[in-house]
Each structure stands twice: as C-alpha cells, then as structure tokens.
C-alpha cells in the first residue's frame, strides 16, 4: 500500500470489532521502519503502484556494495544497494531468475521466479562442536531414534536438514523459512 507517498507492506492488522477502527503494523519498504497506523471504518487506502521486472542476478559489486542484475527484457544493468534487499539477498546465486518490484524506479523487493537451489558445502557436527554427548541428544520421532543434521550451504548459512544429506548434494531451499525442501 502507499501512505504519504511512501511504499508500505502490511505486516499485521488488528480490529476492535464490527464498526470499530482497525490498527495495522506496517513496514516502510524504503526505510525498513515499522509504523503503526489506525484507520476508521470505511477509510479508503491507496494501492501501491509498483512495477515488476523479470531479471537475472549476476554478481555482487564489492566496490559499490551493490547487487548487479540484468533486466531480462531490455538487458539493462540494474544495481541495487545491499540495504534494499535485506535478508533475501543471502539466497542470491549467480544466474538465479528473480522478479524485481520497483516503486518510483527504485527496487523495493525481490521475489524468486523458480526454486532456490544450493549445494551442501559441509555437514556440521553440531554436537561435537558444542561439546555435547550424542547418545543423550537423541530425540524420538515416529518411534525412530534420530539426530538433527546441521547443513552448511554454499552461501554460508547453516540450516537443519534431513539426515540423508551429504556434502555435494544440491538442495531446494525455501527462502521464507530457511528450510530444506528436498534433495535434487
């Protein structure tokens, strides 16, 4: 939505009941600031007029501290500051296809057009690293004794994964939850 000329995303809405005001928790897509706004019943809100551009991620430019994409239609270079992408940037790999959401010519958000596929760089022995006893760390799941497997991905993130994974496997990751969906 658009509020005072700025783009916002609604994070949460609370209503005081039928006919009463509604309070919303909003995040400014440019400044990342969280604000709370209350509206009376019947208030008209302004739709965010943004455009979407299909693009392909190329590389991170260290000298300008920005991500470099190429517009899939015009082949123009699009540079996006790392603060604009937030946590989503950690899932970018060379050649991944994305949709860039723009507001007034500035990238405010990105979405992935396909699966986020990463390679398992290593299996982290969490229990050895933490000095814990593996025998006492077992949990019961469906009657089987299992240990959680911590997986180091090629992007540097460590996430929990299924015990059958091994170094070199390629996996599909859900960028919203940071969970491994399947092995390829």
N, C-alpha and C. Protein backbone atom coordinates (compact mmCIF):
# COMPACT_ATOMS: atom_id res chain seq x y z
N UNK A 1 0.83 -1.17 0.00
CA UNK A 1 0.00 0.00 0.00
C UNK A 1 0.87 1.24 0.00
N UNK A 2 0.28 2.35 -0.33
CA UNK A 2 1.01 3.61 -0.38
C UNK A 2 0.44 4.53 0.69
N UNK A 3 1.32 5.14 1.47
CA UNK A 3 0.92 6.02 2.56
C UNK A 3 1.84 7.24 2.55
N UNK A 4 1.26 8.40 2.39
CA UNK A 4 2.04 9.65 2.32
C UNK A 4 3.15 9.58 1.26
N UNK A 5 2.85 8.94 0.13
CA UNK A 5 3.79 8.86 -0.97
C UNK A 5 4.88 7.83 -0.81
N UNK A 6 4.85 7.04 0.26
CA UNK A 6 5.86 6.03 0.53
C UNK A 6 5.25 4.64 0.42
N UNK A 7 6.03 3.64 -0.03
CA UNK A 7 5.51 2.27 -0.12
C UNK A 7 5.61 1.54 1.22
N UNK A 8 4.53 0.85 1.59
CA UNK A 8 4.49 0.08 2.83
C UNK A 8 3.93 -1.31 2.54
N UNK A 9 4.30 -2.25 3.40
CA UNK A 9 3.70 -3.56 3.36
C UNK A 9 3.02 -3.77 4.71
N UNK A 10 1.84 -4.35 4.68
CA UNK A 10 1.07 -4.60 5.90
C UNK A 10 1.58 -5.89 6.53
N UNK A 11 2.03 -5.79 7.77
CA UNK A 11 2.55 -6.96 8.48
C UNK A 11 1.49 -7.62 9.36
N UNK A 12 0.59 -6.79 9.91
CA UNK A 12 -0.40 -7.30 10.85
C UNK A 12 -1.56 -6.31 10.93
N UNK A 13 -2.77 -6.82 11.10
CA UNK A 13 -3.96 -5.97 11.26
C UNK A 13 -4.74 -6.44 12.46
N UNK A 14 -5.12 -5.50 13.32
CA UNK A 14 -5.96 -5.81 14.47
C UNK A 14 -7.20 -4.94 14.41
N UNK A 15 -8.35 -5.55 14.58
CA UNK A 15 -9.61 -4.82 14.53
C UNK A 15 -10.24 -4.82 15.91
N UNK A 16 -10.92 -3.72 16.23
CA UNK A 16 -11.56 -3.64 17.54
C UNK A 16 -13.00 -4.14 17.49
N UNK A 17 -13.36 -4.78 16.40
CA UNK A 17 -14.70 -5.34 16.28
C UNK A 17 -15.48 -4.68 15.17
N UNK A 18 -16.71 -5.12 15.00
CA UNK A 18 -17.56 -4.61 13.91
C UNK A 18 -17.78 -3.11 14.07
N UNK A 19 -17.46 -2.38 13.03
CA UNK A 19 -17.69 -0.94 13.02
C UNK A 19 -16.61 -0.12 13.70
N UNK A 20 -15.70 -0.77 14.39
CA UNK A 20 -14.65 -0.04 15.10
C UNK A 20 -13.43 0.19 14.24
N UNK A 21 -12.46 0.96 14.76
CA UNK A 21 -11.24 1.23 13.99
C UNK A 21 -10.36 -0.02 13.88
N UNK A 22 -9.48 0.01 12.92
CA UNK A 22 -8.52 -1.08 12.72
C UNK A 22 -7.12 -0.50 12.85
N UNK A 23 -6.25 -1.24 13.54
CA UNK A 23 -4.86 -0.81 13.66
C UNK A 23 -4.00 -1.76 12.85
N UNK A 24 -3.05 -1.19 12.12
CA UNK A 24 -2.17 -2.01 11.29
C UNK A 24 -0.71 -1.74 11.64
N UNK A 25 0.07 -2.81 11.58
CA UNK A 25 1.51 -2.71 11.72
C UNK A 25 2.06 -2.72 10.31
N UNK A 26 2.81 -1.69 9.94
CA UNK A 26 3.30 -1.53 8.57
C UNK A 26 4.83 -1.43 8.57
N UNK A 27 5.43 -1.88 7.46
CA UNK A 27 6.88 -1.71 7.28
C UNK A 27 7.10 -0.88 6.03
N UNK A 28 7.85 0.21 6.19
CA UNK A 28 8.21 1.06 5.05
C UNK A 28 9.22 0.30 4.20
N UNK A 29 8.92 0.13 2.92
CA UNK A 29 9.78 -0.66 2.04
C UNK A 29 11.06 0.07 1.63
N UNK A 30 11.12 1.38 1.86
CA UNK A 30 12.34 2.12 1.53
C UNK A 30 13.26 2.26 2.74
N UNK A 31 12.68 2.61 3.88
CA UNK A 31 13.50 2.85 5.08
C UNK A 31 13.54 1.66 6.03
N UNK A 32 12.65 0.65 5.83
CA UNK A 32 12.54 -0.53 6.69
C UNK A 32 11.98 -0.21 8.07
N UNK A 33 11.55 1.02 8.31
CA UNK A 33 10.98 1.39 9.61
C UNK A 33 9.60 0.78 9.79
N UNK A 34 9.30 0.40 11.03
CA UNK A 34 8.00 -0.15 11.40
C UNK A 34 7.16 1.00 11.97
N UNK A 35 5.92 1.12 11.48
CA UNK A 35 5.00 2.13 12.00
C UNK A 35 3.65 1.46 12.28
N UNK A 36 2.89 2.10 13.15
CA UNK A 36 1.53 1.63 13.46
C UNK A 36 0.57 2.72 13.02
N UNK A 37 -0.49 2.33 12.37
CA UNK A 37 -1.47 3.28 11.85
C UNK A 37 -2.87 2.77 12.18
N UNK A 38 -3.76 3.69 12.59
CA UNK A 38 -5.14 3.35 12.90
C UNK A 38 -6.05 4.03 11.89
N UNK A 39 -7.01 3.25 11.37
CA UNK A 39 -7.98 3.79 10.42
C UNK A 39 -9.39 3.56 10.93
N UNK A 40 -10.25 4.52 10.60
CA UNK A 40 -11.67 4.38 10.91
C UNK A 40 -12.31 3.48 9.87
N UNK A 41 -13.43 2.88 10.21
CA UNK A 41 -14.16 2.04 9.27
C UNK A 41 -14.53 2.88 8.04
N UNK A 42 -14.35 2.30 6.86
CA UNK A 42 -14.71 2.97 5.62
C UNK A 42 -13.59 3.80 5.01
N UNK A 43 -12.43 3.88 5.66
CA UNK A 43 -11.30 4.64 5.13
C UNK A 43 -10.80 3.96 3.85
N UNK A 44 -10.56 4.74 2.82
CA UNK A 44 -10.03 4.22 1.57
C UNK A 44 -8.52 4.30 1.59
N UNK A 45 -7.88 3.19 1.28
CA UNK A 45 -6.42 3.13 1.25
C UNK A 45 -5.94 3.16 -0.18
N UNK A 46 -4.74 3.71 -0.37
CA UNK A 46 -4.18 3.84 -1.71
C UNK A 46 -3.34 2.61 -2.06
N UNK A 47 -3.67 2.02 -3.19
CA UNK A 47 -2.95 0.84 -3.67
C UNK A 47 -1.55 1.26 -4.10
N UNK A 48 -0.56 0.45 -3.81
CA UNK A 48 0.81 0.73 -4.20
C UNK A 48 1.00 0.45 -5.68
N UNK A 49 1.28 1.50 -6.42
CA UNK A 49 1.50 1.35 -7.86
C UNK A 49 2.98 1.02 -8.09
N UNK A 50 3.25 -0.27 -8.16
CA UNK A 50 4.62 -0.70 -8.39
C UNK A 50 4.67 -1.49 -9.69
N UNK A 51 5.85 -1.61 -10.23
CA UNK A 51 6.01 -2.41 -11.44
C UNK A 51 6.92 -3.59 -11.12
N UNK A 52 6.81 -4.61 -11.90
CA UNK A 52 7.61 -5.81 -11.71
C UNK A 52 8.46 -6.04 -12.96
N UNK A 53 9.74 -6.32 -12.74
CA UNK A 53 10.63 -6.59 -13.87
C UNK A 53 11.33 -7.92 -13.67
N UNK A 54 11.23 -8.79 -14.68
CA UNK A 54 12.00 -10.04 -14.59
C UNK A 54 13.48 -9.72 -14.82
N UNK A 55 14.33 -10.29 -13.98
CA UNK A 55 15.76 -10.02 -14.07
C UNK A 55 16.54 -11.26 -13.68
N UNK A 56 17.83 -11.23 -13.97
CA UNK A 56 18.74 -12.31 -13.62
C UNK A 56 19.88 -11.73 -12.79
N UNK A 57 20.16 -12.37 -11.65
CA UNK A 57 21.25 -11.91 -10.79
C UNK A 57 22.59 -12.27 -11.42
N UNK A 58 23.51 -11.30 -11.41
CA UNK A 58 24.82 -11.53 -11.99
C UNK A 58 25.92 -11.66 -10.92
N UNK A 59 26.14 -10.58 -10.14
CA UNK A 59 27.21 -10.62 -9.15
C UNK A 59 27.03 -9.50 -8.13
N UNK A 60 27.83 -9.57 -7.05
CA UNK A 60 27.85 -8.52 -6.04
C UNK A 60 29.07 -7.66 -6.31
N UNK A 61 28.86 -6.37 -6.50
CA UNK A 61 29.94 -5.42 -6.76
C UNK A 61 30.46 -4.90 -5.42
N UNK A 62 31.62 -5.40 -5.00
CA UNK A 62 32.21 -5.02 -3.71
C UNK A 62 32.52 -3.53 -3.64
N UNK A 63 33.00 -2.96 -4.74
CA UNK A 63 33.42 -1.56 -4.73
C UNK A 63 32.26 -0.60 -4.48
N UNK A 64 31.06 -0.95 -4.94
CA UNK A 64 29.90 -0.09 -4.75
C UNK A 64 28.92 -0.66 -3.73
N UNK A 65 29.24 -1.82 -3.17
CA UNK A 65 28.39 -2.50 -2.19
C UNK A 65 26.96 -2.65 -2.70
N UNK A 66 26.85 -3.21 -3.92
CA UNK A 66 25.53 -3.40 -4.51
C UNK A 66 25.46 -4.70 -5.30
N UNK A 67 24.23 -5.17 -5.48
CA UNK A 67 23.97 -6.36 -6.27
C UNK A 67 23.69 -5.93 -7.70
N UNK A 68 24.20 -6.70 -8.66
CA UNK A 68 24.03 -6.36 -10.07
C UNK A 68 23.12 -7.40 -10.73
N UNK A 69 22.04 -6.90 -11.31
CA UNK A 69 21.07 -7.72 -12.03
C UNK A 69 21.03 -7.26 -13.48
N UNK A 70 20.52 -8.11 -14.36
CA UNK A 70 20.28 -7.72 -15.74
C UNK A 70 18.82 -7.93 -16.06
N UNK A 71 18.19 -6.86 -16.55
CA UNK A 71 16.78 -6.89 -16.94
C UNK A 71 16.63 -7.91 -18.06
N UNK A 72 15.73 -8.87 -17.92
CA UNK A 72 15.57 -9.94 -18.91
C UNK A 72 14.96 -9.46 -20.22
N UNK A 73 14.30 -8.31 -20.21
CA UNK A 73 13.67 -7.81 -21.43
C UNK A 73 14.54 -6.80 -22.16
N UNK A 74 15.11 -5.83 -21.43
CA UNK A 74 15.91 -4.77 -22.08
C UNK A 74 17.41 -5.04 -22.01
N UNK A 75 17.83 -6.00 -21.20
CA UNK A 75 19.23 -6.36 -20.96
C UNK A 75 20.02 -5.23 -20.30
N UNK A 76 19.30 -4.27 -19.71
CA UNK A 76 19.96 -3.19 -18.98
C UNK A 76 20.45 -3.71 -17.64
N UNK A 77 21.54 -3.10 -17.17
CA UNK A 77 22.08 -3.44 -15.87
C UNK A 77 21.27 -2.69 -14.81
N UNK A 78 20.92 -3.40 -13.74
CA UNK A 78 20.20 -2.80 -12.62
C UNK A 78 21.04 -3.03 -11.37
N UNK A 79 21.42 -1.94 -10.72
CA UNK A 79 22.23 -2.03 -9.50
C UNK A 79 21.34 -1.74 -8.30
N UNK A 80 21.44 -2.62 -7.31
CA UNK A 80 20.60 -2.49 -6.12
C UNK A 80 21.48 -2.53 -4.88
N UNK A 81 21.38 -1.49 -4.06
CA UNK A 81 22.15 -1.43 -2.81
C UNK A 81 21.78 -2.59 -1.89
N UNK A 82 22.77 -3.10 -1.16
CA UNK A 82 22.51 -4.29 -0.34
C UNK A 82 21.49 -4.03 0.76
N UNK A 83 21.36 -2.78 1.22
CA UNK A 83 20.37 -2.48 2.26
C UNK A 83 18.94 -2.58 1.73
N UNK A 84 18.75 -2.47 0.43
CA UNK A 84 17.41 -2.54 -0.17
C UNK A 84 16.83 -3.95 -0.17
N UNK A 85 17.68 -4.97 -0.17
CA UNK A 85 17.21 -6.35 -0.28
C UNK A 85 17.10 -7.07 1.05
N UNK A 86 17.76 -6.56 2.06
CA UNK A 86 17.67 -7.18 3.38
C UNK A 86 18.11 -8.63 3.39
N UNK A 87 17.40 -9.45 4.14
CA UNK A 87 17.73 -10.86 4.35
C UNK A 87 17.59 -11.71 3.09
N UNK A 88 16.76 -11.27 2.16
CA UNK A 88 16.52 -12.04 0.93
C UNK A 88 17.80 -12.21 0.11
N UNK A 89 18.71 -11.25 0.22
CA UNK A 89 19.93 -11.26 -0.58
C UNK A 89 20.81 -12.49 -0.33
N UNK A 90 20.69 -13.09 0.84
CA UNK A 90 21.56 -14.23 1.14
C UNK A 90 21.28 -15.44 0.26
N UNK A 91 20.13 -15.47 -0.41
CA UNK A 91 19.77 -16.60 -1.26
C UNK A 91 20.14 -16.38 -2.73
N UNK A 92 20.75 -15.24 -3.04
CA UNK A 92 21.12 -14.95 -4.43
C UNK A 92 22.34 -15.77 -4.84
N UNK A 93 22.23 -16.43 -5.98
CA UNK A 93 23.36 -17.13 -6.57
C UNK A 93 23.43 -16.71 -8.04
N UNK A 94 24.60 -16.74 -8.59
CA UNK A 94 24.80 -16.29 -9.97
C UNK A 94 23.85 -17.02 -10.92
N UNK A 95 23.12 -16.22 -11.72
CA UNK A 95 22.23 -16.77 -12.73
C UNK A 95 20.81 -17.03 -12.26
N UNK A 96 20.51 -16.80 -10.98
CA UNK A 96 19.15 -17.06 -10.49
C UNK A 96 18.19 -16.00 -11.04
N UNK A 97 17.00 -16.47 -11.44
CA UNK A 97 15.99 -15.58 -12.02
C UNK A 97 15.09 -15.04 -10.92
N UNK A 98 14.87 -13.71 -10.97
CA UNK A 98 14.07 -13.04 -9.95
C UNK A 98 13.08 -12.08 -10.60
N UNK A 99 12.11 -11.64 -9.79
CA UNK A 99 11.23 -10.54 -10.18
C UNK A 99 11.56 -9.39 -9.26
N UNK A 100 11.98 -8.27 -9.85
CA UNK A 100 12.28 -7.08 -9.06
C UNK A 100 11.03 -6.21 -9.01
N UNK A 101 10.61 -5.84 -7.80
CA UNK A 101 9.47 -4.94 -7.63
C UNK A 101 10.02 -3.53 -7.48
N UNK A 102 9.54 -2.63 -8.33
CA UNK A 102 10.03 -1.26 -8.32
C UNK A 102 8.93 -0.28 -7.94
N UNK A 103 9.31 0.77 -7.21
CA UNK A 103 8.43 1.87 -6.85
C UNK A 103 9.21 3.14 -7.17
N UNK A 104 8.67 3.97 -8.04
CA UNK A 104 9.35 5.19 -8.48
C UNK A 104 10.76 4.90 -8.99
N UNK A 105 10.91 3.80 -9.71
CA UNK A 105 12.20 3.46 -10.31
C UNK A 105 13.20 2.82 -9.36
N UNK A 106 12.85 2.65 -8.08
CA UNK A 106 13.74 2.04 -7.09
C UNK A 106 13.26 0.64 -6.74
N UNK A 107 14.20 -0.28 -6.64
CA UNK A 107 13.86 -1.66 -6.25
C UNK A 107 13.50 -1.66 -4.77
N UNK A 108 12.31 -2.17 -4.46
CA UNK A 108 11.86 -2.23 -3.08
C UNK A 108 11.75 -3.66 -2.56
N UNK A 109 11.78 -4.62 -3.48
CA UNK A 109 11.59 -6.01 -3.07
C UNK A 109 12.00 -6.92 -4.22
N UNK A 110 12.33 -8.16 -3.89
CA UNK A 110 12.57 -9.13 -4.95
C UNK A 110 11.93 -10.44 -4.58
N UNK A 111 11.51 -11.16 -5.61
CA UNK A 111 10.93 -12.48 -5.43
C UNK A 111 11.62 -13.44 -6.38
N UNK A 112 11.70 -14.68 -5.99
CA UNK A 112 12.37 -15.68 -6.83
C UNK A 112 11.36 -16.29 -7.78
N UNK A 113 11.75 -16.42 -9.06
CA UNK A 113 10.85 -16.97 -10.08
C UNK A 113 10.87 -18.49 -10.12
N UNK A 114 11.84 -19.07 -9.53
CA UNK A 114 11.94 -20.54 -9.51
C UNK A 114 12.47 -20.98 -8.16
N UNK A 115 12.93 -22.21 -8.12
CA UNK A 115 13.48 -22.75 -6.88
C UNK A 115 14.82 -22.12 -6.55
N UNK A 116 15.10 -21.98 -5.27
CA UNK A 116 16.41 -21.57 -4.80
C UNK A 116 17.19 -22.86 -4.56
N UNK A 117 18.19 -23.10 -5.40
CA UNK A 117 18.95 -24.35 -5.36
C UNK A 117 20.37 -24.04 -4.91
N UNK A 118 20.80 -24.71 -3.85
CA UNK A 118 22.14 -24.51 -3.30
C UNK A 118 22.81 -25.86 -3.09
N UNK A 119 24.12 -25.82 -3.04
CA UNK A 119 24.90 -27.03 -2.80
C UNK A 119 25.22 -27.15 -1.31
N UNK A 120 25.21 -28.37 -0.81
CA UNK A 120 25.61 -28.63 0.56
C UNK A 120 27.14 -28.56 0.60
N UNK A 121 27.66 -27.56 1.31
CA UNK A 121 29.11 -27.38 1.39
C UNK A 121 29.74 -28.32 2.42
N UNK A 122 28.98 -28.62 3.47
CA UNK A 122 29.51 -29.49 4.51
C UNK A 122 28.38 -29.91 5.45
N UNK A 123 28.62 -30.97 6.18
CA UNK A 123 27.71 -31.41 7.24
C UNK A 123 28.39 -31.01 8.55
N UNK A 124 27.71 -30.21 9.36
CA UNK A 124 28.28 -29.69 10.59
C UNK A 124 27.91 -30.63 11.73
N UNK A 125 28.92 -31.10 12.45
CA UNK A 125 28.66 -31.95 13.61
C UNK A 125 28.38 -31.03 14.79
N UNK A 126 27.12 -30.67 14.92
CA UNK A 126 26.67 -29.73 15.94
C UNK A 126 27.05 -30.20 17.34
N UNK A 127 26.87 -31.48 17.61
CA UNK A 127 27.10 -31.99 18.96
C UNK A 127 28.57 -31.99 19.32
N UNK A 128 29.43 -32.31 18.37
CA UNK A 128 30.86 -32.30 18.63
C UNK A 128 31.33 -30.86 18.84
N UNK A 129 30.80 -29.95 18.00
CA UNK A 129 31.17 -28.54 18.08
C UNK A 129 30.75 -27.95 19.43
N UNK A 130 29.59 -28.33 19.94
CA UNK A 130 29.06 -27.81 21.20
C UNK A 130 29.54 -28.60 22.41
N UNK A 131 30.31 -29.68 22.18
CA UNK A 131 30.81 -30.49 23.28
C UNK A 131 29.73 -31.30 23.96
N UNK A 132 28.70 -31.67 23.24
CA UNK A 132 27.57 -32.41 23.81
C UNK A 132 27.71 -33.90 23.49
N UNK A 133 27.02 -34.70 24.27
CA UNK A 133 27.03 -36.15 24.11
C UNK A 133 25.94 -36.56 23.12
N UNK A 134 26.33 -37.20 22.03
CA UNK A 134 25.37 -37.64 21.01
C UNK A 134 24.33 -38.62 21.56
N UNK A 135 24.76 -39.54 22.43
CA UNK A 135 23.85 -40.57 22.94
C UNK A 135 22.68 -39.95 23.70
N UNK A 136 22.93 -38.91 24.45
CA UNK A 136 21.88 -38.26 25.24
C UNK A 136 21.12 -37.22 24.43
N UNK A 137 21.56 -36.94 23.22
CA UNK A 137 20.92 -35.91 22.40
C UNK A 137 19.85 -36.47 21.48
N UNK A 138 19.67 -37.77 21.50
CA UNK A 138 18.69 -38.39 20.60
C UNK A 138 17.27 -37.95 20.95
N UNK A 139 16.46 -37.78 19.91
CA UNK A 139 15.05 -37.45 20.11
C UNK A 139 14.22 -38.53 19.47
N UNK A 140 13.00 -38.70 19.92
CA UNK A 140 12.11 -39.71 19.35
C UNK A 140 11.18 -39.06 18.35
N UNK A 141 11.16 -39.58 17.14
CA UNK A 141 10.26 -39.10 16.11
C UNK A 141 9.70 -40.33 15.40
N UNK A 142 8.41 -40.56 15.54
CA UNK A 142 7.73 -41.71 14.93
C UNK A 142 8.38 -43.02 15.35
N UNK A 143 8.84 -43.06 16.62
CA UNK A 143 9.39 -44.30 17.14
C UNK A 143 10.83 -44.55 16.75
N UNK A 144 11.42 -43.70 15.91
CA UNK A 144 12.81 -43.90 15.49
C UNK A 144 13.71 -42.94 16.23
N UNK A 145 14.91 -43.35 16.48
CA UNK A 145 15.89 -42.50 17.12
C UNK A 145 16.61 -41.72 16.03
N UNK A 146 16.54 -40.38 16.08
CA UNK A 146 17.17 -39.56 15.05
C UNK A 146 17.96 -38.42 15.67
N UNK A 147 18.95 -37.97 14.97
CA UNK A 147 19.73 -36.80 15.35
C UNK A 147 19.50 -35.72 14.31
N UNK A 148 19.37 -34.48 14.74
CA UNK A 148 19.27 -33.42 13.73
C UNK A 148 20.61 -33.27 13.01
N UNK A 149 20.54 -33.01 11.74
CA UNK A 149 21.74 -32.81 10.94
C UNK A 149 21.81 -31.32 10.61
N UNK A 150 22.92 -30.70 10.93
CA UNK A 150 23.12 -29.30 10.59
C UNK A 150 23.92 -29.25 9.29
N UNK A 151 23.39 -28.51 8.31
CA UNK A 151 23.95 -28.49 6.98
C UNK A 151 24.49 -27.10 6.67
N UNK A 152 25.75 -27.02 6.26
CA UNK A 152 26.35 -25.76 5.82
C UNK A 152 26.13 -25.66 4.32
N UNK A 153 25.41 -24.62 3.89
CA UNK A 153 25.13 -24.41 2.47
C UNK A 153 26.21 -23.56 1.83
N UNK A 154 26.27 -23.57 0.51
CA UNK A 154 27.30 -22.84 -0.21
C UNK A 154 27.27 -21.34 0.03
N UNK A 155 26.12 -20.80 0.46
CA UNK A 155 26.02 -19.36 0.72
C UNK A 155 26.49 -19.00 2.13
N UNK A 156 26.91 -20.00 2.92
CA UNK A 156 27.43 -19.75 4.26
C UNK A 156 26.41 -19.96 5.37
N UNK A 157 25.14 -20.17 5.05
CA UNK A 157 24.10 -20.39 6.05
C UNK A 157 24.15 -21.83 6.56
N UNK A 158 23.89 -22.00 7.84
CA UNK A 158 23.78 -23.32 8.43
C UNK A 158 22.32 -23.53 8.79
N UNK A 159 21.73 -24.59 8.26
CA UNK A 159 20.32 -24.90 8.50
C UNK A 159 20.19 -26.37 8.88
N UNK A 160 19.07 -26.71 9.51
CA UNK A 160 18.81 -28.11 9.85
C UNK A 160 18.28 -28.82 8.62
N UNK A 161 18.73 -30.05 8.43
CA UNK A 161 18.29 -30.80 7.27
C UNK A 161 18.10 -32.27 7.57
N UNK A 162 17.57 -32.99 6.59
CA UNK A 162 17.37 -34.44 6.76
C UNK A 162 18.70 -35.18 6.89
N UNK A 163 18.69 -36.27 7.63
CA UNK A 163 19.93 -36.97 7.95
C UNK A 163 20.58 -37.66 6.76
N UNK A 164 19.86 -37.80 5.63
CA UNK A 164 20.44 -38.49 4.47
C UNK A 164 21.30 -37.56 3.60
N UNK A 165 21.35 -36.28 3.88
CA UNK A 165 22.14 -35.36 3.06
C UNK A 165 23.63 -35.58 3.27
N UNK A 166 24.39 -35.28 2.21
CA UNK A 166 25.85 -35.38 2.31
C UNK A 166 26.47 -34.23 1.52
N UNK A 167 27.72 -33.99 1.78
CA UNK A 167 28.47 -32.92 1.12
C UNK A 167 28.38 -33.10 -0.40
N UNK A 168 28.10 -32.00 -1.11
CA UNK A 168 28.00 -32.04 -2.56
C UNK A 168 26.58 -32.18 -3.08
N UNK A 169 25.63 -32.58 -2.22
CA UNK A 169 24.23 -32.68 -2.65
C UNK A 169 23.71 -31.29 -3.01
N UNK A 170 22.79 -31.25 -3.97
CA UNK A 170 22.11 -30.00 -4.31
C UNK A 170 20.71 -30.08 -3.72
N UNK A 171 20.30 -28.98 -3.05
CA UNK A 171 19.02 -28.98 -2.35
C UNK A 171 18.20 -27.75 -2.74
N UNK A 172 16.88 -27.89 -2.62
CA UNK A 172 15.96 -26.78 -2.82
C UNK A 172 15.67 -26.21 -1.44
N UNK A 173 15.83 -24.88 -1.32
CA UNK A 173 15.64 -24.20 -0.04
C UNK A 173 14.47 -23.23 -0.16
N UNK A 174 13.64 -23.18 0.88
CA UNK A 174 12.56 -22.20 0.95
C UNK A 174 13.15 -20.93 1.56
N UNK A 175 13.26 -19.83 0.77
CA UNK A 175 13.89 -18.62 1.28
C UNK A 175 13.08 -17.94 2.40
N UNK A 176 11.81 -18.24 2.50
CA UNK A 176 10.98 -17.63 3.55
C UNK A 176 11.26 -18.26 4.92
N UNK A 177 11.47 -19.57 4.96
CA UNK A 177 11.64 -20.28 6.23
C UNK A 177 13.06 -20.78 6.46
N UNK A 178 13.92 -20.65 5.46
CA UNK A 178 15.30 -21.16 5.52
C UNK A 178 15.35 -22.67 5.71
N UNK A 179 14.31 -23.37 5.26
CA UNK A 179 14.29 -24.83 5.42
C UNK A 179 14.56 -25.53 4.10
N UNK A 180 15.16 -26.70 4.20
CA UNK A 180 15.44 -27.51 3.03
C UNK A 180 14.17 -28.26 2.67
N UNK A 181 13.73 -28.09 1.41
CA UNK A 181 12.50 -28.73 0.96
C UNK A 181 12.72 -30.11 0.38
N UNK A 182 13.82 -30.25 -0.39
CA UNK A 182 14.11 -31.56 -0.98
C UNK A 182 15.53 -31.58 -1.54
N UNK A 183 16.01 -32.80 -1.76
CA UNK A 183 17.31 -33.01 -2.39
C UNK A 183 17.06 -33.25 -3.87
N UNK A 184 17.93 -32.73 -4.71
CA UNK A 184 17.80 -32.95 -6.16
C UNK A 184 18.67 -34.11 -6.60
